[in-house]
């Protein structure tokens, strides 16, 4: 089984829900969040976690996780800005199945600031 490594920048509230799942799943989207956006590069995730999540919520985290490649083949990679700013757009109604396609656990690989607590 082939997997694709994805990253997700997140704030403390969403990360607490991931921790509550046993680090196995992303929480359902809120009504104003119709799309789940995992990204294809750690650098892009760092940029968002550091420059957007920290000012918005006091802390930012970069998570890494693997998803079955054959499942991701059902979705297009989207260019969200520059050539290297790539992400998947997973519709909110597909997130439960997306979570079933995660192989292993979701792990925190960076945090901003460096001493930001990791829930769970």
N, C-alpha and C. Protein backbone atom coordinates (compact mmCIF):
# COMPACT_ATOMS: atom_id res chain seq x y z
N UNK A 1 0.84 -1.17 0.00
CA UNK A 1 0.00 0.00 0.00
C UNK A 1 0.89 1.24 0.00
N UNK A 2 0.68 2.09 -0.98
CA UNK A 2 1.43 3.35 -1.05
C UNK A 2 0.69 4.42 -0.26
N UNK A 3 1.47 5.28 0.38
CA UNK A 3 0.88 6.40 1.11
C UNK A 3 1.52 7.70 0.64
N UNK A 4 0.81 8.77 0.88
CA UNK A 4 1.29 10.12 0.60
C UNK A 4 1.34 10.87 1.92
N UNK A 5 2.46 11.52 2.19
CA UNK A 5 2.59 12.31 3.40
C UNK A 5 1.99 13.69 3.16
N UNK A 6 1.12 14.09 4.08
CA UNK A 6 0.50 15.40 4.05
C UNK A 6 0.80 16.14 5.35
N UNK A 7 0.67 17.45 5.30
CA UNK A 7 0.84 18.29 6.46
C UNK A 7 -0.42 19.10 6.66
N UNK A 8 -0.67 19.49 7.89
CA UNK A 8 -1.83 20.34 8.19
C UNK A 8 -1.42 21.35 9.25
N UNK A 9 -1.44 22.63 8.91
CA UNK A 9 -1.25 23.65 9.93
C UNK A 9 -2.55 23.80 10.71
N UNK A 10 -2.44 23.97 12.00
CA UNK A 10 -3.65 24.04 12.82
C UNK A 10 -3.42 24.86 14.07
N UNK A 11 -4.49 25.29 14.66
CA UNK A 11 -4.44 26.01 15.91
C UNK A 11 -4.72 25.09 17.08
N UNK A 12 -4.68 25.62 18.29
CA UNK A 12 -4.83 24.78 19.48
C UNK A 12 -6.19 24.12 19.63
N UNK A 13 -7.27 24.77 19.22
CA UNK A 13 -8.60 24.17 19.39
C UNK A 13 -8.77 22.93 18.51
N UNK A 14 -8.39 23.05 17.24
CA UNK A 14 -8.51 21.89 16.35
C UNK A 14 -7.56 20.79 16.80
N UNK A 15 -6.35 21.16 17.22
CA UNK A 15 -5.38 20.15 17.66
C UNK A 15 -5.89 19.39 18.89
N UNK A 16 -6.58 20.08 19.79
CA UNK A 16 -7.14 19.40 20.96
C UNK A 16 -8.17 18.34 20.53
N UNK A 17 -8.94 18.63 19.49
CA UNK A 17 -9.91 17.65 18.99
C UNK A 17 -9.20 16.46 18.33
N UNK A 18 -8.09 16.72 17.65
CA UNK A 18 -7.30 15.63 17.07
C UNK A 18 -6.75 14.75 18.20
N UNK A 19 -6.22 15.39 19.24
CA UNK A 19 -5.70 14.63 20.39
C UNK A 19 -6.80 13.78 21.02
N UNK A 20 -8.01 14.34 21.13
CA UNK A 20 -9.13 13.61 21.71
C UNK A 20 -9.51 12.38 20.88
N UNK A 21 -9.18 12.40 19.59
CA UNK A 21 -9.46 11.24 18.73
C UNK A 21 -8.40 10.15 18.88
N UNK A 22 -7.41 10.39 19.74
CA UNK A 22 -6.29 9.46 19.85
C UNK A 22 -5.26 9.69 18.74
N UNK A 23 -5.27 10.90 18.16
CA UNK A 23 -4.37 11.28 17.08
C UNK A 23 -4.64 10.47 15.81
N UNK A 24 -5.93 10.13 15.62
CA UNK A 24 -6.32 9.30 14.48
C UNK A 24 -7.19 10.00 13.45
N UNK A 25 -7.77 11.16 13.78
CA UNK A 25 -8.76 11.76 12.88
C UNK A 25 -8.83 13.27 13.05
N UNK A 26 -9.26 13.89 11.97
CA UNK A 26 -9.54 15.33 11.97
C UNK A 26 -11.00 15.53 12.34
N UNK A 27 -11.30 16.58 13.10
CA UNK A 27 -12.69 16.81 13.51
C UNK A 27 -13.55 17.26 12.33
N UNK A 28 -14.85 17.05 12.45
CA UNK A 28 -15.76 17.53 11.39
C UNK A 28 -15.58 19.04 11.19
N UNK A 29 -15.83 19.46 9.99
CA UNK A 29 -15.77 20.89 9.67
C UNK A 29 -16.95 21.61 10.30
N UNK A 30 -16.75 22.88 10.62
CA UNK A 30 -17.83 23.73 11.09
C UNK A 30 -18.67 24.16 9.89
N UNK A 31 -19.88 24.65 10.12
CA UNK A 31 -20.74 25.03 8.99
C UNK A 31 -20.09 26.02 8.02
N UNK A 32 -19.23 26.89 8.52
CA UNK A 32 -18.56 27.86 7.64
C UNK A 32 -17.24 27.33 7.07
N UNK A 33 -17.00 26.04 7.21
CA UNK A 33 -15.77 25.41 6.71
C UNK A 33 -16.14 24.27 5.76
N UNK A 34 -16.47 24.56 4.52
CA UNK A 34 -16.93 23.51 3.62
C UNK A 34 -15.83 22.62 3.07
N UNK A 35 -14.57 23.00 3.29
CA UNK A 35 -13.44 22.27 2.71
C UNK A 35 -12.38 22.03 3.79
N UNK A 36 -11.77 20.85 3.77
CA UNK A 36 -10.61 20.52 4.61
C UNK A 36 -9.39 20.61 3.71
N UNK A 37 -8.37 21.36 4.16
CA UNK A 37 -7.21 21.67 3.32
C UNK A 37 -5.92 21.08 3.86
N UNK A 38 -5.59 19.84 3.61
CA UNK A 38 -4.24 19.37 3.94
C UNK A 38 -3.28 19.85 2.85
N UNK A 39 -2.04 20.12 3.22
CA UNK A 39 -1.09 20.67 2.25
C UNK A 39 0.02 19.66 1.94
N UNK A 40 0.72 19.92 0.84
CA UNK A 40 1.70 18.97 0.34
C UNK A 40 3.14 19.27 0.74
N UNK A 41 3.38 20.39 1.44
CA UNK A 41 4.76 20.67 1.85
C UNK A 41 4.80 21.16 3.28
N UNK A 42 5.81 20.72 3.98
CA UNK A 42 6.01 21.17 5.35
C UNK A 42 6.28 22.67 5.39
N UNK A 43 7.04 23.19 4.43
CA UNK A 43 7.34 24.63 4.41
C UNK A 43 6.07 25.47 4.34
N UNK A 44 5.13 25.07 3.49
CA UNK A 44 3.86 25.80 3.37
C UNK A 44 3.09 25.70 4.69
N UNK A 45 3.06 24.53 5.31
CA UNK A 45 2.37 24.36 6.59
C UNK A 45 3.01 25.23 7.68
N UNK A 46 4.34 25.32 7.68
CA UNK A 46 5.03 26.16 8.65
C UNK A 46 4.62 27.62 8.48
N UNK A 47 4.59 28.08 7.24
CA UNK A 47 4.22 29.45 6.95
C UNK A 47 2.83 29.78 7.52
N UNK A 48 1.88 28.90 7.29
CA UNK A 48 0.51 29.14 7.77
C UNK A 48 0.45 29.06 9.30
N UNK A 49 1.06 28.03 9.88
CA UNK A 49 1.01 27.86 11.34
C UNK A 49 1.65 29.05 12.05
N UNK A 50 2.79 29.48 11.56
CA UNK A 50 3.54 30.56 12.21
C UNK A 50 2.90 31.93 11.95
N UNK A 51 2.53 32.19 10.69
CA UNK A 51 2.11 33.54 10.31
C UNK A 51 0.60 33.78 10.38
N UNK A 52 -0.18 32.71 10.47
CA UNK A 52 -1.62 32.89 10.55
C UNK A 52 -2.19 32.34 11.86
N UNK A 53 -1.87 31.08 12.20
CA UNK A 53 -2.44 30.49 13.41
C UNK A 53 -1.97 31.19 14.69
N UNK A 54 -0.69 31.56 14.76
CA UNK A 54 -0.20 32.21 15.98
C UNK A 54 -0.92 33.53 16.24
N UNK A 55 -0.99 34.44 15.26
CA UNK A 55 -1.73 35.68 15.53
C UNK A 55 -3.22 35.44 15.80
N UNK A 56 -3.81 34.46 15.15
CA UNK A 56 -5.25 34.21 15.30
C UNK A 56 -5.61 33.54 16.62
N UNK A 57 -4.72 32.66 17.13
CA UNK A 57 -5.11 31.88 18.32
C UNK A 57 -4.00 31.70 19.35
N UNK A 58 -2.88 32.36 19.17
CA UNK A 58 -1.82 32.30 20.17
C UNK A 58 -0.81 31.19 19.99
N UNK A 59 -1.13 30.22 19.17
CA UNK A 59 -0.21 29.10 18.92
C UNK A 59 -0.53 28.51 17.56
N UNK A 60 0.48 27.95 16.94
CA UNK A 60 0.30 27.26 15.66
C UNK A 60 1.08 25.97 15.66
N UNK A 61 0.54 24.97 15.04
CA UNK A 61 1.14 23.64 15.01
C UNK A 61 1.19 23.14 13.58
N UNK A 62 2.23 22.39 13.28
CA UNK A 62 2.32 21.70 12.00
C UNK A 62 2.22 20.21 12.30
N UNK A 63 1.26 19.57 11.67
CA UNK A 63 1.09 18.13 11.85
C UNK A 63 1.48 17.42 10.55
N UNK A 64 1.85 16.17 10.71
CA UNK A 64 2.21 15.33 9.56
C UNK A 64 1.45 14.02 9.71
N UNK A 65 0.97 13.51 8.56
CA UNK A 65 0.25 12.24 8.58
C UNK A 65 0.27 11.66 7.17
N UNK A 66 0.05 10.37 7.09
CA UNK A 66 0.06 9.65 5.82
C UNK A 66 -1.36 9.21 5.46
N UNK A 67 -1.65 9.32 4.17
CA UNK A 67 -2.97 8.93 3.64
C UNK A 67 -2.74 7.99 2.46
N UNK A 68 -3.61 7.02 2.32
CA UNK A 68 -3.50 6.09 1.18
C UNK A 68 -3.51 6.86 -0.13
N UNK A 69 -2.50 6.64 -0.94
CA UNK A 69 -2.35 7.34 -2.22
C UNK A 69 -3.51 7.02 -3.15
N UNK A 70 -3.95 5.77 -3.18
CA UNK A 70 -5.04 5.44 -4.10
C UNK A 70 -6.32 6.19 -3.75
N UNK A 71 -6.53 6.52 -2.49
CA UNK A 71 -7.67 7.33 -2.11
C UNK A 71 -7.49 8.78 -2.56
N UNK A 72 -6.30 9.33 -2.33
CA UNK A 72 -6.03 10.72 -2.73
C UNK A 72 -6.11 10.91 -4.24
N UNK A 73 -5.91 9.85 -4.99
CA UNK A 73 -6.00 9.95 -6.45
C UNK A 73 -7.40 10.39 -6.91
N UNK A 74 -8.38 10.33 -6.01
CA UNK A 74 -9.74 10.78 -6.34
C UNK A 74 -9.87 12.31 -6.30
N UNK A 75 -8.84 12.99 -5.84
CA UNK A 75 -8.87 14.44 -5.68
C UNK A 75 -7.73 15.07 -6.46
N UNK A 76 -7.98 16.30 -6.90
CA UNK A 76 -6.94 17.05 -7.60
C UNK A 76 -6.08 17.79 -6.59
N UNK A 77 -4.80 17.93 -6.92
CA UNK A 77 -3.94 18.82 -6.17
C UNK A 77 -4.24 20.23 -6.67
N UNK A 78 -4.49 21.14 -5.75
CA UNK A 78 -4.83 22.52 -6.10
C UNK A 78 -3.65 23.44 -5.81
N UNK A 79 -3.43 24.37 -6.69
CA UNK A 79 -2.40 25.39 -6.48
C UNK A 79 -3.07 26.59 -5.84
N UNK A 80 -2.69 26.90 -4.60
CA UNK A 80 -3.38 27.93 -3.82
C UNK A 80 -2.68 29.28 -3.89
N UNK A 81 -1.67 29.38 -4.65
CA UNK A 81 -0.92 30.63 -4.75
C UNK A 81 0.27 30.39 -5.65
N UNK A 82 1.44 30.51 -5.07
CA UNK A 82 2.66 30.26 -5.84
C UNK A 82 2.78 28.82 -6.28
N UNK A 83 3.75 28.58 -7.11
CA UNK A 83 3.99 27.26 -7.70
C UNK A 83 4.12 26.14 -6.67
N UNK A 84 4.67 26.48 -5.51
CA UNK A 84 4.90 25.47 -4.47
C UNK A 84 3.84 25.46 -3.38
N UNK A 85 2.78 26.22 -3.56
CA UNK A 85 1.72 26.28 -2.56
C UNK A 85 0.59 25.36 -3.02
N UNK A 86 0.73 24.09 -2.62
CA UNK A 86 -0.16 23.04 -3.11
C UNK A 86 -0.93 22.41 -1.95
N UNK A 87 -2.18 22.09 -2.23
CA UNK A 87 -3.04 21.50 -1.21
C UNK A 87 -4.13 20.66 -1.87
N UNK A 88 -4.70 19.79 -1.07
CA UNK A 88 -5.89 19.07 -1.49
C UNK A 88 -7.10 19.80 -0.93
N UNK A 89 -8.19 19.78 -1.66
CA UNK A 89 -9.46 20.32 -1.17
C UNK A 89 -10.39 19.14 -0.96
N UNK A 90 -10.56 18.77 0.28
CA UNK A 90 -11.42 17.63 0.64
C UNK A 90 -12.76 18.21 1.12
N UNK A 91 -13.86 17.96 0.40
CA UNK A 91 -15.16 18.47 0.85
C UNK A 91 -15.50 17.96 2.25
N UNK A 92 -16.14 18.81 3.03
CA UNK A 92 -16.48 18.46 4.41
C UNK A 92 -17.21 17.14 4.49
N UNK A 93 -18.08 16.87 3.52
CA UNK A 93 -18.86 15.62 3.57
C UNK A 93 -18.00 14.38 3.30
N UNK A 94 -16.77 14.56 2.83
CA UNK A 94 -15.86 13.44 2.58
C UNK A 94 -14.87 13.22 3.72
N UNK A 95 -14.90 14.10 4.72
CA UNK A 95 -13.86 14.04 5.76
C UNK A 95 -13.88 12.75 6.57
N UNK A 96 -15.03 12.20 6.87
CA UNK A 96 -15.08 10.94 7.63
C UNK A 96 -14.36 9.83 6.87
N UNK A 97 -14.60 9.72 5.57
CA UNK A 97 -13.91 8.71 4.77
C UNK A 97 -12.42 9.03 4.66
N UNK A 98 -12.09 10.29 4.50
CA UNK A 98 -10.68 10.71 4.47
C UNK A 98 -9.97 10.22 5.74
N UNK A 99 -10.62 10.43 6.89
CA UNK A 99 -10.03 9.98 8.16
C UNK A 99 -9.78 8.48 8.17
N UNK A 100 -10.66 7.70 7.55
CA UNK A 100 -10.47 6.25 7.48
C UNK A 100 -9.28 5.87 6.61
N UNK A 101 -8.86 6.77 5.76
CA UNK A 101 -7.75 6.49 4.84
C UNK A 101 -6.40 6.92 5.41
N UNK A 102 -6.40 7.50 6.62
CA UNK A 102 -5.15 7.86 7.28
C UNK A 102 -4.48 6.59 7.76
N UNK A 103 -3.20 6.47 7.47
CA UNK A 103 -2.41 5.31 7.88
C UNK A 103 -1.51 5.74 9.03
N UNK A 104 -1.68 5.12 10.19
CA UNK A 104 -0.89 5.52 11.35
C UNK A 104 -1.57 6.66 12.08
N UNK A 105 -0.75 7.47 12.74
CA UNK A 105 -1.29 8.55 13.56
C UNK A 105 -0.90 9.92 12.99
N UNK A 106 -1.60 10.91 13.46
CA UNK A 106 -1.30 12.31 13.14
C UNK A 106 -0.30 12.77 14.19
N UNK A 107 0.81 13.34 13.74
CA UNK A 107 1.82 13.76 14.71
C UNK A 107 2.17 15.24 14.55
N UNK A 108 2.46 15.86 15.68
CA UNK A 108 2.91 17.25 15.68
C UNK A 108 4.40 17.25 15.41
N UNK A 109 4.81 17.98 14.37
CA UNK A 109 6.23 18.03 14.02
C UNK A 109 6.86 19.39 14.27
N UNK A 110 6.05 20.43 14.42
CA UNK A 110 6.53 21.78 14.74
C UNK A 110 5.46 22.49 15.54
N UNK A 111 5.91 23.44 16.35
CA UNK A 111 4.97 24.27 17.08
C UNK A 111 5.53 25.67 17.22
N UNK A 112 4.62 26.62 17.21
CA UNK A 112 4.98 28.03 17.33
C UNK A 112 4.08 28.67 18.37
N UNK A 113 4.63 29.32 19.40
CA UNK A 113 6.05 29.35 19.71
C UNK A 113 6.55 27.96 20.09
N UNK A 114 7.87 27.84 20.17
CA UNK A 114 8.49 26.54 20.42
C UNK A 114 8.02 25.85 21.69
N UNK A 115 7.54 26.63 22.65
CA UNK A 115 7.09 26.04 23.92
C UNK A 115 5.56 25.92 24.02
N UNK A 116 4.88 26.07 22.89
CA UNK A 116 3.42 25.91 22.90
C UNK A 116 3.06 24.50 23.38
N UNK A 117 2.12 24.39 24.32
CA UNK A 117 1.77 23.05 24.83
C UNK A 117 1.06 22.22 23.76
N UNK A 118 1.33 20.94 23.81
CA UNK A 118 0.65 19.99 22.91
C UNK A 118 -0.42 19.28 23.74
N UNK A 119 -1.67 19.37 23.32
CA UNK A 119 -2.74 18.73 24.11
C UNK A 119 -2.62 17.21 24.14
N UNK A 120 -3.28 16.64 25.13
CA UNK A 120 -3.38 15.20 25.19
C UNK A 120 -2.26 14.57 25.88
